[in-house]
């Protein structure tokens, strides 16, 4: 478990074939944890136990509410839930400093809503309703795509001031944008996001 950046403030997304957990951190203290059908300390403990996990650090990302106050390092050592704790930095979503903050859920009529339209379901909007959303085949994902080319947890989407960013979560078949392979970057309305051979068009209201 990589805990280096939990000394800072933001969101640590822990993803493995067995699950995914978001840990929101404020000055080194976990203030909120959401996992697959769990939250709070149960979700925190699950994050520390997930095998072969990959980690994505989203700076300055904040939850909608504060539900706990736990020093993750002290918690892990006290409860012996993590045998191998590393203080190395996790992978980061690279954004300019002024644009790292996550947009709050739009409330005004002029606000912009991002959504995806699948090639095989052109009349259905797959809304990105949170600051961060995991896209994949697993039912616990925020956006579920039941397709053989889509990994259980394929990519991470994040709404930021600049727009909509994406990051490949070490998927089997990779991510392409408008025909070009990519690990991370930004998406604009009209872009075609390919998860393996499954195509999604990026759209925006407002």
N, C-alpha and C. Protein backbone atom coordinates (compact mmCIF):
# COMPACT_ATOMS: atom_id res chain seq x y z
N UNK A 1 0.85 -1.20 0.00
CA UNK A 1 0.00 0.00 0.00
C UNK A 1 0.88 1.24 0.00
N UNK A 2 0.70 2.11 -0.98
CA UNK A 2 1.50 3.32 -1.03
C UNK A 2 0.79 4.43 -0.28
N UNK A 3 1.47 4.99 0.71
CA UNK A 3 0.81 5.98 1.56
C UNK A 3 1.48 7.35 1.53
N UNK A 4 2.50 7.53 0.67
CA UNK A 4 3.26 8.76 0.70
C UNK A 4 2.44 10.02 0.61
N UNK A 5 1.53 10.09 -0.37
CA UNK A 5 0.79 11.33 -0.58
C UNK A 5 -0.43 11.47 0.31
N UNK A 6 -0.70 10.48 1.16
CA UNK A 6 -1.78 10.65 2.12
C UNK A 6 -1.38 11.66 3.19
N UNK A 7 -0.13 12.12 3.16
CA UNK A 7 0.28 13.20 4.06
C UNK A 7 -0.20 14.55 3.51
N UNK A 8 -0.65 14.56 2.28
CA UNK A 8 -1.13 15.78 1.64
C UNK A 8 -2.66 15.80 1.66
N UNK A 9 -3.25 16.60 0.78
CA UNK A 9 -4.71 16.68 0.69
C UNK A 9 -5.16 16.34 -0.72
N UNK A 10 -6.14 15.45 -0.82
CA UNK A 10 -6.64 15.03 -2.12
C UNK A 10 -7.35 13.70 -2.01
N UNK A 11 -7.39 12.96 -3.11
CA UNK A 11 -8.08 11.66 -3.14
C UNK A 11 -7.12 10.59 -3.66
N UNK A 12 -6.95 9.51 -2.90
CA UNK A 12 -6.16 8.36 -3.32
C UNK A 12 -7.13 7.29 -3.80
N UNK A 13 -7.09 6.98 -5.10
CA UNK A 13 -7.95 5.95 -5.66
C UNK A 13 -7.16 4.65 -5.70
N UNK A 14 -7.64 3.64 -4.98
CA UNK A 14 -6.98 2.34 -4.91
C UNK A 14 -7.81 1.36 -5.75
N UNK A 15 -7.19 0.80 -6.79
CA UNK A 15 -7.92 -0.07 -7.72
C UNK A 15 -7.19 -1.40 -7.86
N UNK A 16 -7.93 -2.50 -7.75
CA UNK A 16 -7.39 -3.84 -7.99
C UNK A 16 -8.46 -4.67 -8.66
N UNK A 17 -8.10 -5.86 -9.18
CA UNK A 17 -9.12 -6.73 -9.79
C UNK A 17 -10.24 -7.10 -8.83
N UNK A 18 -10.00 -6.97 -7.53
CA UNK A 18 -10.99 -7.36 -6.54
C UNK A 18 -11.83 -6.20 -6.00
N UNK A 19 -11.53 -4.99 -6.40
CA UNK A 19 -12.32 -3.88 -5.90
C UNK A 19 -11.65 -2.54 -6.11
N UNK A 20 -12.35 -1.48 -5.70
CA UNK A 20 -11.82 -0.12 -5.80
C UNK A 20 -12.31 0.69 -4.61
N UNK A 21 -11.43 1.55 -4.09
CA UNK A 21 -11.77 2.38 -2.94
C UNK A 21 -11.22 3.78 -3.17
N UNK A 22 -12.00 4.80 -2.79
CA UNK A 22 -11.52 6.19 -2.82
C UNK A 22 -11.29 6.65 -1.39
N UNK A 23 -10.08 7.12 -1.11
CA UNK A 23 -9.74 7.66 0.20
C UNK A 23 -9.52 9.16 0.06
N UNK A 24 -10.37 9.96 0.67
CA UNK A 24 -10.20 11.41 0.66
C UNK A 24 -9.39 11.83 1.88
N UNK A 25 -8.33 12.59 1.63
CA UNK A 25 -7.37 12.93 2.68
C UNK A 25 -7.27 14.44 2.83
N UNK A 26 -7.15 14.87 4.09
CA UNK A 26 -7.00 16.29 4.38
C UNK A 26 -5.86 16.45 5.38
N UNK A 27 -4.74 17.00 4.91
CA UNK A 27 -3.55 17.20 5.75
C UNK A 27 -3.13 15.93 6.47
N UNK A 28 -3.09 14.82 5.73
CA UNK A 28 -2.61 13.57 6.29
C UNK A 28 -3.63 12.74 7.04
N UNK A 29 -4.87 13.20 7.09
CA UNK A 29 -5.93 12.48 7.81
C UNK A 29 -7.02 12.07 6.83
N UNK A 30 -7.43 10.80 6.88
CA UNK A 30 -8.52 10.33 6.02
C UNK A 30 -9.83 10.85 6.59
N UNK A 31 -10.56 11.62 5.79
CA UNK A 31 -11.82 12.22 6.26
C UNK A 31 -13.04 11.56 5.62
N UNK A 32 -12.80 10.72 4.59
CA UNK A 32 -13.92 10.07 3.92
C UNK A 32 -13.38 8.90 3.12
N UNK A 33 -14.12 7.78 3.10
CA UNK A 33 -13.70 6.61 2.36
C UNK A 33 -14.92 5.93 1.74
N UNK A 34 -14.85 5.68 0.43
CA UNK A 34 -15.93 5.00 -0.28
C UNK A 34 -15.35 3.81 -1.03
N UNK A 35 -15.98 2.65 -0.90
CA UNK A 35 -15.55 1.47 -1.63
C UNK A 35 -16.72 0.79 -2.30
N UNK A 36 -16.49 -0.43 -2.76
CA UNK A 36 -17.56 -1.20 -3.38
C UNK A 36 -18.55 -1.62 -2.31
N UNK A 37 -19.67 -0.93 -2.26
CA UNK A 37 -20.75 -1.23 -1.31
C UNK A 37 -20.35 -0.99 0.15
N UNK A 38 -19.26 -0.29 0.41
CA UNK A 38 -18.84 0.01 1.78
C UNK A 38 -18.43 1.47 1.88
N UNK A 39 -18.38 1.98 3.11
CA UNK A 39 -17.88 3.32 3.33
C UNK A 39 -17.31 3.41 4.74
N UNK A 40 -16.65 4.53 5.04
CA UNK A 40 -16.08 4.71 6.37
C UNK A 40 -14.88 3.80 6.63
N UNK A 41 -14.71 3.35 7.88
CA UNK A 41 -13.55 2.56 8.25
C UNK A 41 -13.51 1.20 7.57
N UNK A 42 -14.68 0.63 7.24
CA UNK A 42 -14.70 -0.64 6.51
C UNK A 42 -14.07 -0.46 5.13
N UNK A 43 -14.37 0.66 4.48
CA UNK A 43 -13.79 0.94 3.16
C UNK A 43 -12.29 1.19 3.29
N UNK A 44 -11.87 1.89 4.36
CA UNK A 44 -10.46 2.15 4.59
C UNK A 44 -9.70 0.84 4.77
N UNK A 45 -10.23 -0.06 5.60
CA UNK A 45 -9.57 -1.34 5.82
C UNK A 45 -9.50 -2.15 4.53
N UNK A 46 -10.56 -2.07 3.72
CA UNK A 46 -10.55 -2.80 2.44
C UNK A 46 -9.47 -2.25 1.52
N UNK A 47 -9.26 -0.94 1.52
CA UNK A 47 -8.22 -0.34 0.68
C UNK A 47 -6.84 -0.86 1.05
N UNK A 48 -6.61 -1.06 2.35
CA UNK A 48 -5.32 -1.54 2.81
C UNK A 48 -5.10 -3.02 2.52
N UNK A 49 -6.18 -3.75 2.30
CA UNK A 49 -6.09 -5.20 2.10
C UNK A 49 -6.15 -5.61 0.63
N UNK A 50 -6.50 -4.69 -0.27
CA UNK A 50 -6.65 -5.05 -1.68
C UNK A 50 -5.31 -5.52 -2.27
N UNK A 51 -5.26 -6.73 -2.83
CA UNK A 51 -4.00 -7.25 -3.40
C UNK A 51 -3.73 -6.69 -4.79
N UNK A 52 -2.44 -6.55 -5.11
CA UNK A 52 -2.01 -6.13 -6.47
C UNK A 52 -2.72 -4.86 -6.92
N UNK A 53 -2.85 -3.91 -6.00
CA UNK A 53 -3.59 -2.69 -6.32
C UNK A 53 -2.71 -1.66 -7.03
N UNK A 54 -3.34 -0.87 -7.88
CA UNK A 54 -2.68 0.30 -8.46
C UNK A 54 -3.29 1.53 -7.80
N UNK A 55 -2.54 2.64 -7.82
CA UNK A 55 -2.96 3.82 -7.08
C UNK A 55 -2.89 5.06 -7.96
N UNK A 56 -3.93 5.88 -7.88
CA UNK A 56 -3.95 7.16 -8.59
C UNK A 56 -4.20 8.26 -7.57
N UNK A 57 -3.34 9.27 -7.58
CA UNK A 57 -3.47 10.39 -6.64
C UNK A 57 -4.07 11.58 -7.37
N UNK A 58 -5.20 12.11 -6.86
CA UNK A 58 -5.86 13.28 -7.44
C UNK A 58 -5.72 14.43 -6.45
N UNK A 59 -4.82 15.38 -6.70
CA UNK A 59 -4.58 16.46 -5.76
C UNK A 59 -5.80 17.33 -5.53
N UNK A 60 -6.00 17.75 -4.27
CA UNK A 60 -7.03 18.72 -3.88
C UNK A 60 -8.46 18.27 -4.12
N UNK A 61 -8.68 17.00 -4.47
CA UNK A 61 -10.04 16.50 -4.63
C UNK A 61 -10.70 16.39 -3.26
N UNK A 62 -11.95 16.83 -3.17
CA UNK A 62 -12.65 16.85 -1.87
C UNK A 62 -13.98 16.11 -1.95
N UNK A 63 -14.38 15.44 -0.86
CA UNK A 63 -15.67 14.73 -0.85
C UNK A 63 -16.81 15.71 -0.59
N UNK A 64 -18.03 15.25 -0.82
CA UNK A 64 -19.19 16.10 -0.57
C UNK A 64 -19.46 16.25 0.91
N UNK A 65 -18.99 15.28 1.72
CA UNK A 65 -19.16 15.37 3.17
C UNK A 65 -18.00 14.70 3.88
N UNK A 66 -17.75 15.13 5.12
CA UNK A 66 -16.70 14.55 5.95
C UNK A 66 -17.35 13.54 6.89
N UNK A 67 -16.87 12.30 6.89
CA UNK A 67 -17.51 11.27 7.70
C UNK A 67 -16.60 10.65 8.76
N UNK A 68 -15.29 10.97 8.73
CA UNK A 68 -14.38 10.33 9.67
C UNK A 68 -13.12 11.18 9.82
N UNK A 69 -12.25 10.79 10.72
CA UNK A 69 -10.99 11.49 10.93
C UNK A 69 -9.98 10.47 11.44
N UNK A 70 -9.24 9.86 10.50
CA UNK A 70 -8.34 8.76 10.83
C UNK A 70 -6.97 9.00 10.23
N UNK A 71 -5.93 8.89 11.06
CA UNK A 71 -4.55 8.92 10.58
C UNK A 71 -4.28 7.56 9.95
N UNK A 72 -4.15 7.50 8.62
CA UNK A 72 -4.10 6.23 7.92
C UNK A 72 -2.87 5.40 8.30
N UNK A 73 -1.73 6.05 8.51
CA UNK A 73 -0.52 5.31 8.86
C UNK A 73 -0.65 4.67 10.24
N UNK A 74 -1.11 5.46 11.22
CA UNK A 74 -1.29 4.93 12.57
C UNK A 74 -2.34 3.83 12.59
N UNK A 75 -3.40 4.01 11.81
CA UNK A 75 -4.48 3.02 11.75
C UNK A 75 -3.96 1.69 11.20
N UNK A 76 -3.19 1.78 10.11
CA UNK A 76 -2.67 0.56 9.48
C UNK A 76 -1.74 -0.20 10.42
N UNK A 77 -0.88 0.51 11.12
CA UNK A 77 0.06 -0.14 12.03
C UNK A 77 -0.65 -0.69 13.27
N UNK A 78 -1.58 0.05 13.83
CA UNK A 78 -2.29 -0.38 15.04
C UNK A 78 -3.09 -1.63 14.81
N UNK A 79 -3.77 -1.71 13.65
CA UNK A 79 -4.66 -2.83 13.38
C UNK A 79 -4.00 -3.93 12.55
N UNK A 80 -2.72 -3.74 12.20
CA UNK A 80 -1.97 -4.75 11.44
C UNK A 80 -2.71 -5.17 10.17
N UNK A 81 -3.30 -4.21 9.48
CA UNK A 81 -4.04 -4.54 8.27
C UNK A 81 -3.19 -4.38 7.01
N UNK A 82 -1.99 -3.84 7.16
CA UNK A 82 -1.09 -3.71 6.02
C UNK A 82 0.30 -4.18 6.41
N UNK A 83 0.74 -5.28 5.86
CA UNK A 83 2.04 -5.83 6.20
C UNK A 83 3.18 -5.07 5.55
N UNK A 84 2.93 -4.54 4.37
CA UNK A 84 4.00 -3.91 3.61
C UNK A 84 3.58 -2.50 3.23
N UNK A 85 3.99 -1.52 4.02
CA UNK A 85 3.58 -0.14 3.81
C UNK A 85 4.74 0.64 3.19
N UNK A 86 4.48 1.26 2.05
CA UNK A 86 5.50 2.05 1.36
C UNK A 86 5.10 3.52 1.37
N UNK A 87 6.09 4.37 1.52
CA UNK A 87 5.81 5.80 1.54
C UNK A 87 6.25 6.46 0.23
N UNK A 88 6.22 5.69 -0.85
CA UNK A 88 6.54 6.23 -2.17
C UNK A 88 5.35 6.99 -2.71
N UNK A 89 5.62 7.88 -3.65
CA UNK A 89 4.53 8.63 -4.26
C UNK A 89 3.75 7.73 -5.20
N UNK A 90 2.46 8.01 -5.33
CA UNK A 90 1.61 7.28 -6.26
C UNK A 90 1.62 7.99 -7.61
N UNK A 91 1.00 7.38 -8.60
CA UNK A 91 0.85 8.04 -9.88
C UNK A 91 -0.07 9.23 -9.75
N UNK A 92 0.21 10.28 -10.49
CA UNK A 92 -0.60 11.50 -10.39
C UNK A 92 -1.31 11.78 -11.70
N UNK A 93 -2.49 12.39 -11.59
CA UNK A 93 -3.15 12.97 -12.76
C UNK A 93 -2.51 14.34 -12.94
N UNK A 94 -1.79 14.54 -14.04
CA UNK A 94 -1.01 15.75 -14.21
C UNK A 94 -1.87 16.90 -14.70
N UNK A 95 -2.05 17.88 -13.84
CA UNK A 95 -2.85 19.06 -14.18
C UNK A 95 -2.11 20.31 -13.73
N UNK A 96 -2.28 21.43 -14.41
CA UNK A 96 -1.68 22.68 -13.94
C UNK A 96 -2.21 23.02 -12.55
N UNK A 97 -1.39 23.66 -11.73
CA UNK A 97 -1.75 23.91 -10.33
C UNK A 97 -3.07 24.66 -10.19
N UNK A 98 -3.32 25.59 -11.07
CA UNK A 98 -4.52 26.41 -10.95
C UNK A 98 -5.78 25.65 -11.36
N UNK A 99 -5.61 24.44 -11.94
CA UNK A 99 -6.76 23.74 -12.47
C UNK A 99 -6.98 22.38 -11.81
N UNK A 100 -6.35 22.15 -10.66
CA UNK A 100 -6.40 20.84 -10.04
C UNK A 100 -7.67 20.59 -9.25
N UNK A 101 -8.35 21.65 -8.81
CA UNK A 101 -9.52 21.46 -7.96
C UNK A 101 -10.69 20.87 -8.74
N UNK A 102 -11.38 19.96 -8.09
CA UNK A 102 -12.53 19.30 -8.71
C UNK A 102 -13.74 20.22 -8.66
N UNK A 103 -14.47 20.28 -9.75
CA UNK A 103 -15.69 21.06 -9.76
C UNK A 103 -16.73 20.44 -8.85
N UNK A 104 -17.45 21.28 -8.15
CA UNK A 104 -18.58 20.77 -7.39
C UNK A 104 -19.71 20.45 -8.36
N UNK A 105 -20.65 19.65 -7.92
CA UNK A 105 -21.78 19.28 -8.78
C UNK A 105 -22.49 20.55 -9.23
N UNK A 106 -22.63 20.76 -10.55
CA UNK A 106 -23.24 22.00 -11.05
C UNK A 106 -24.66 22.18 -10.52
N UNK A 107 -24.95 23.42 -10.16
CA UNK A 107 -26.28 23.72 -9.64
C UNK A 107 -27.02 24.74 -10.51
N UNK A 108 -26.25 25.62 -11.17
CA UNK A 108 -26.88 26.66 -11.97
C UNK A 108 -27.29 26.12 -13.33
N UNK A 109 -28.24 26.79 -13.95
CA UNK A 109 -28.72 26.37 -15.25
C UNK A 109 -27.63 26.44 -16.30
N UNK A 110 -26.67 27.35 -16.11
CA UNK A 110 -25.61 27.52 -17.08
C UNK A 110 -24.47 26.53 -16.87
N UNK A 111 -24.55 25.69 -15.85
CA UNK A 111 -23.48 24.75 -15.56
C UNK A 111 -23.38 23.70 -16.67
N UNK A 112 -22.21 23.06 -16.77
CA UNK A 112 -21.96 22.09 -17.82
C UNK A 112 -21.97 20.67 -17.25
N UNK A 113 -22.70 19.79 -17.90
CA UNK A 113 -22.79 18.40 -17.50
C UNK A 113 -22.13 17.55 -18.57
N UNK A 114 -21.19 16.73 -18.16
CA UNK A 114 -20.55 15.81 -19.11
C UNK A 114 -21.27 14.46 -19.07
N UNK A 115 -21.37 13.84 -20.26
CA UNK A 115 -21.91 12.49 -20.32
C UNK A 115 -21.31 11.77 -21.53
N UNK A 116 -21.45 10.45 -21.55
CA UNK A 116 -20.93 9.63 -22.62
C UNK A 116 -22.09 8.99 -23.37
N UNK A 117 -21.91 8.80 -24.68
CA UNK A 117 -22.91 8.09 -25.48
C UNK A 117 -22.22 6.91 -26.14
N UNK A 118 -22.68 5.71 -25.82
CA UNK A 118 -22.09 4.50 -26.38
C UNK A 118 -22.54 4.32 -27.82
N UNK A 119 -21.64 3.78 -28.65
CA UNK A 119 -21.93 3.59 -30.07
C UNK A 119 -23.13 2.67 -30.28
N UNK A 120 -23.28 1.66 -29.39
CA UNK A 120 -24.39 0.72 -29.55
C UNK A 120 -25.65 1.15 -28.80
N UNK A 121 -25.57 2.30 -28.08
CA UNK A 121 -26.75 2.82 -27.37
C UNK A 121 -26.85 4.33 -27.58
N UNK A 122 -27.09 4.78 -28.80
CA UNK A 122 -27.02 6.21 -29.13
C UNK A 122 -28.07 7.07 -28.43
N UNK A 123 -29.14 6.46 -27.93
CA UNK A 123 -30.20 7.25 -27.29
C UNK A 123 -30.08 7.29 -25.77
N UNK A 124 -29.01 6.73 -25.23
CA UNK A 124 -28.84 6.67 -23.78
C UNK A 124 -27.66 7.52 -23.34
N UNK A 125 -27.88 8.38 -22.36
CA UNK A 125 -26.81 9.21 -21.82
C UNK A 125 -26.20 8.54 -20.58
N UNK A 126 -24.90 8.33 -20.59
CA UNK A 126 -24.18 7.79 -19.44
C UNK A 126 -23.59 8.99 -18.70
N UNK A 127 -24.30 9.46 -17.69
CA UNK A 127 -23.93 10.70 -17.02
C UNK A 127 -22.70 10.52 -16.13
N UNK A 128 -21.85 11.53 -16.12
CA UNK A 128 -20.73 11.59 -15.19
C UNK A 128 -21.19 12.50 -14.06
N UNK A 129 -21.75 11.89 -13.04
CA UNK A 129 -22.45 12.65 -12.01
C UNK A 129 -21.62 13.03 -10.81
N UNK A 130 -20.34 12.62 -10.79
CA UNK A 130 -19.49 12.92 -9.63
C UNK A 130 -18.19 13.55 -10.11
N UNK A 131 -17.43 14.08 -9.18
CA UNK A 131 -16.13 14.67 -9.53
C UNK A 131 -15.21 13.65 -10.15
N UNK A 132 -15.27 12.40 -9.69
CA UNK A 132 -14.50 11.31 -10.27
C UNK A 132 -15.44 10.15 -10.56
N UNK A 133 -15.16 9.41 -11.62
CA UNK A 133 -15.99 8.27 -11.99
C UNK A 133 -15.11 7.18 -12.58
N UNK A 134 -15.29 5.95 -12.10
CA UNK A 134 -14.57 4.80 -12.65
C UNK A 134 -15.47 4.14 -13.69
N UNK A 135 -14.90 3.89 -14.87
CA UNK A 135 -15.62 3.25 -15.96
C UNK A 135 -15.08 1.84 -16.16
N UNK A 136 -15.98 0.85 -16.23
CA UNK A 136 -15.52 -0.52 -16.43
C UNK A 136 -16.67 -1.50 -16.51
N UNK A 137 -16.32 -2.79 -16.56
CA UNK A 137 -17.31 -3.85 -16.71
C UNK A 137 -17.90 -4.28 -15.37
N UNK A 138 -17.15 -4.05 -14.27
CA UNK A 138 -17.61 -4.46 -12.94
C UNK A 138 -18.85 -3.66 -12.53
N UNK A 139 -19.81 -4.32 -11.92
CA UNK A 139 -21.06 -3.66 -11.55
C UNK A 139 -20.88 -2.57 -10.51
N UNK A 140 -19.78 -2.61 -9.76
CA UNK A 140 -19.54 -1.59 -8.74
C UNK A 140 -18.98 -0.29 -9.34
N UNK A 141 -18.66 -0.27 -10.63
CA UNK A 141 -18.14 0.94 -11.27
C UNK A 141 -19.23 2.01 -11.34
N UNK A 142 -18.81 3.26 -11.47
CA UNK A 142 -19.77 4.36 -11.59
C UNK A 142 -20.48 4.32 -12.94
N UNK A 143 -19.75 3.95 -13.98
CA UNK A 143 -20.34 3.77 -15.31
C UNK A 143 -20.02 2.34 -15.75
N UNK A 144 -21.04 1.53 -15.90
CA UNK A 144 -20.86 0.10 -16.18
C UNK A 144 -21.05 -0.16 -17.68
N UNK A 145 -20.05 -0.81 -18.30
CA UNK A 145 -20.10 -1.17 -19.71
C UNK A 145 -19.88 -2.67 -19.83
N UNK A 146 -20.93 -3.39 -20.14
CA UNK A 146 -20.86 -4.85 -20.22
C UNK A 146 -20.39 -5.26 -21.61
N UNK A 147 -19.06 -5.25 -21.79
CA UNK A 147 -18.48 -5.59 -23.09
C UNK A 147 -17.17 -6.33 -22.86
N UNK A 148 -16.90 -7.35 -23.66
CA UNK A 148 -15.74 -8.21 -23.45
C UNK A 148 -14.42 -7.45 -23.58
N UNK A 149 -14.38 -6.37 -24.35
CA UNK A 149 -13.15 -5.60 -24.53
C UNK A 149 -12.90 -4.60 -23.40
N UNK A 150 -13.89 -4.41 -22.54
CA UNK A 150 -13.76 -3.46 -21.43
C UNK A 150 -13.29 -4.19 -20.18
N UNK A 151 -12.25 -3.68 -19.53
CA UNK A 151 -11.73 -4.29 -18.31
C UNK A 151 -12.68 -4.05 -17.15
N UNK A 152 -12.50 -4.81 -16.07
CA UNK A 152 -13.38 -4.66 -14.91
C UNK A 152 -13.35 -3.23 -14.39
N UNK A 153 -12.18 -2.64 -14.34
CA UNK A 153 -12.02 -1.22 -14.01
C UNK A 153 -11.06 -0.66 -15.04
N UNK A 154 -11.63 -0.01 -16.05
CA UNK A 154 -10.86 0.32 -17.26
C UNK A 154 -10.19 1.70 -17.19
N UNK A 155 -10.97 2.73 -16.82
CA UNK A 155 -10.37 4.06 -16.77
C UNK A 155 -11.06 4.94 -15.73
N UNK A 156 -10.37 6.00 -15.37
CA UNK A 156 -10.86 6.96 -14.39
C UNK A 156 -11.13 8.27 -15.09
N UNK A 157 -12.31 8.84 -14.86
CA UNK A 157 -12.67 10.15 -15.41
C UNK A 157 -12.79 11.14 -14.27
N UNK A 158 -12.36 12.37 -14.51
CA UNK A 158 -12.43 13.40 -13.48
C UNK A 158 -12.84 14.74 -14.10
N UNK A 159 -13.84 15.38 -13.48
CA UNK A 159 -14.26 16.71 -13.92
C UNK A 159 -13.43 17.75 -13.17
N UNK A 160 -12.71 18.58 -13.91
CA UNK A 160 -11.88 19.63 -13.33
C UNK A 160 -12.21 20.95 -14.01
N UNK A 161 -11.59 22.02 -13.55
CA UNK A 161 -11.89 23.34 -14.11
C UNK A 161 -11.63 23.40 -15.61
N UNK A 162 -10.59 22.71 -16.05
CA UNK A 162 -10.23 22.74 -17.48
C UNK A 162 -11.19 21.92 -18.33
N UNK A 163 -11.83 20.93 -17.73
CA UNK A 163 -12.75 20.09 -18.49
C UNK A 163 -12.82 18.69 -17.92
N UNK A 164 -12.74 17.70 -18.80
CA UNK A 164 -12.87 16.30 -18.41
C UNK A 164 -11.54 15.58 -18.67
N UNK A 165 -10.93 15.06 -17.59
CA UNK A 165 -9.67 14.34 -17.75
C UNK A 165 -9.92 12.84 -17.66
N UNK A 166 -8.98 12.05 -18.21
CA UNK A 166 -9.09 10.60 -18.14
C UNK A 166 -7.73 10.00 -17.80
N UNK A 167 -7.77 8.77 -17.25
CA UNK A 167 -6.54 8.03 -16.96
C UNK A 167 -6.82 6.54 -17.09
N UNK A 168 -5.97 5.86 -17.85
CA UNK A 168 -6.09 4.41 -18.02
C UNK A 168 -5.69 3.72 -16.71
N UNK A 169 -6.53 2.82 -16.21
CA UNK A 169 -6.26 2.11 -14.96
C UNK A 169 -5.62 0.75 -15.25
N UNK A 170 -4.52 0.77 -16.03
CA UNK A 170 -3.79 -0.47 -16.38
C UNK A 170 -4.73 -1.50 -16.99
N UNK A 171 -5.58 -1.06 -17.89
CA UNK A 171 -6.56 -1.95 -18.52
C UNK A 171 -5.87 -2.94 -19.46
N UNK A 172 -6.56 -4.03 -19.77
CA UNK A 172 -6.01 -5.06 -20.64
C UNK A 172 -5.89 -4.58 -22.09
N UNK A 173 -6.92 -3.91 -22.59
CA UNK A 173 -6.96 -3.53 -24.00
C UNK A 173 -6.68 -2.05 -24.26
N UNK A 174 -6.38 -1.30 -23.20
CA UNK A 174 -5.94 0.07 -23.38
C UNK A 174 -7.04 1.07 -23.69
N UNK A 175 -6.61 2.34 -23.80
CA UNK A 175 -7.50 3.46 -24.09
C UNK A 175 -6.98 4.19 -25.32
N UNK A 176 -7.90 4.56 -26.20
CA UNK A 176 -7.56 5.40 -27.35
C UNK A 176 -8.51 6.59 -27.40
N UNK A 177 -8.00 7.72 -27.85
CA UNK A 177 -8.82 8.91 -28.03
C UNK A 177 -8.69 9.35 -29.48
N UNK A 178 -9.81 9.33 -30.19
CA UNK A 178 -9.82 9.68 -31.62
C UNK A 178 -8.81 8.86 -32.42
N UNK A 179 -8.66 7.59 -32.03
CA UNK A 179 -7.80 6.68 -32.78
C UNK A 179 -6.38 6.57 -32.27
N UNK A 180 -5.98 7.41 -31.30
CA UNK A 180 -4.61 7.39 -30.79
C UNK A 180 -4.55 6.83 -29.38
N UNK A 181 -3.62 5.92 -29.14
CA UNK A 181 -3.46 5.33 -27.81
C UNK A 181 -3.00 6.40 -26.82
N UNK A 182 -3.53 6.34 -25.58
CA UNK A 182 -3.18 7.33 -24.57
C UNK A 182 -3.33 6.74 -23.18
N UNK A 183 -2.48 7.18 -22.27
CA UNK A 183 -2.56 6.76 -20.88
C UNK A 183 -3.39 7.72 -20.05
N UNK A 184 -3.27 9.01 -20.36
CA UNK A 184 -4.05 10.03 -19.66
C UNK A 184 -4.10 11.29 -20.52
N UNK A 185 -4.95 12.22 -20.11
CA UNK A 185 -5.09 13.46 -20.87
C UNK A 185 -6.46 14.07 -20.65
N UNK A 186 -6.87 14.94 -21.58
CA UNK A 186 -8.15 15.63 -21.46
C UNK A 186 -9.04 15.27 -22.65
N UNK A 187 -10.34 15.28 -22.38
CA UNK A 187 -11.35 14.98 -23.40
C UNK A 187 -12.20 16.21 -23.68
N UNK A 188 -12.54 16.41 -24.95
CA UNK A 188 -13.40 17.52 -25.34
C UNK A 188 -14.69 16.97 -25.94
N UNK A 189 -15.78 17.76 -25.90
CA UNK A 189 -17.02 17.31 -26.52
C UNK A 189 -16.79 16.91 -27.98
N UNK A 190 -17.31 15.77 -28.37
CA UNK A 190 -17.11 15.27 -29.73
C UNK A 190 -15.99 14.27 -29.85
N UNK A 191 -15.10 14.20 -28.84
CA UNK A 191 -14.03 13.22 -28.88
C UNK A 191 -14.59 11.80 -28.79
N UNK A 192 -13.92 10.85 -29.44
CA UNK A 192 -14.29 9.44 -29.36
C UNK A 192 -13.32 8.75 -28.41
N UNK A 193 -13.86 8.22 -27.32
CA UNK A 193 -13.07 7.51 -26.32
C UNK A 193 -13.26 6.01 -26.54
N UNK A 194 -12.18 5.34 -26.89
CA UNK A 194 -12.23 3.90 -27.16
C UNK A 194 -11.65 3.14 -25.98
N UNK A 195 -12.43 2.25 -25.39
CA UNK A 195 -11.96 1.34 -24.35
C UNK A 195 -11.87 -0.03 -25.01
N UNK A 196 -10.67 -0.42 -25.44
CA UNK A 196 -10.54 -1.60 -26.28
C UNK A 196 -11.22 -1.31 -27.61
N UNK A 197 -12.19 -2.12 -27.99
CA UNK A 197 -12.93 -1.90 -29.24
C UNK A 197 -14.29 -1.26 -28.99
N UNK A 198 -14.53 -0.82 -27.76
CA UNK A 198 -15.82 -0.23 -27.40
C UNK A 198 -15.71 1.29 -27.49
N UNK A 199 -16.60 1.90 -28.27
CA UNK A 199 -16.50 3.34 -28.54
C UNK A 199 -17.54 4.15 -27.79
N UNK A 200 -17.08 5.26 -27.18
CA UNK A 200 -17.95 6.20 -26.48
C UNK A 200 -17.67 7.60 -27.02
N UNK A 201 -18.72 8.39 -27.21
CA UNK A 201 -18.55 9.78 -27.61
C UNK A 201 -18.74 10.69 -26.40
N UNK A 202 -17.85 11.64 -26.25
CA UNK A 202 -17.92 12.59 -25.14
C UNK A 202 -18.87 13.72 -25.50
N UNK A 203 -19.83 14.00 -24.62
CA UNK A 203 -20.82 15.05 -24.88
C UNK A 203 -20.92 15.96 -23.65
N UNK A 204 -21.53 17.11 -23.85
CA UNK A 204 -21.68 18.08 -22.75
C UNK A 204 -22.96 18.88 -22.94
N UNK A 205 -23.71 19.04 -21.87
CA UNK A 205 -24.88 19.92 -21.85
C UNK A 205 -24.50 21.25 -21.23
N UNK A 206 -25.24 22.28 -21.57
CA UNK A 206 -25.01 23.56 -20.91
C UNK A 206 -24.07 24.45 -21.69
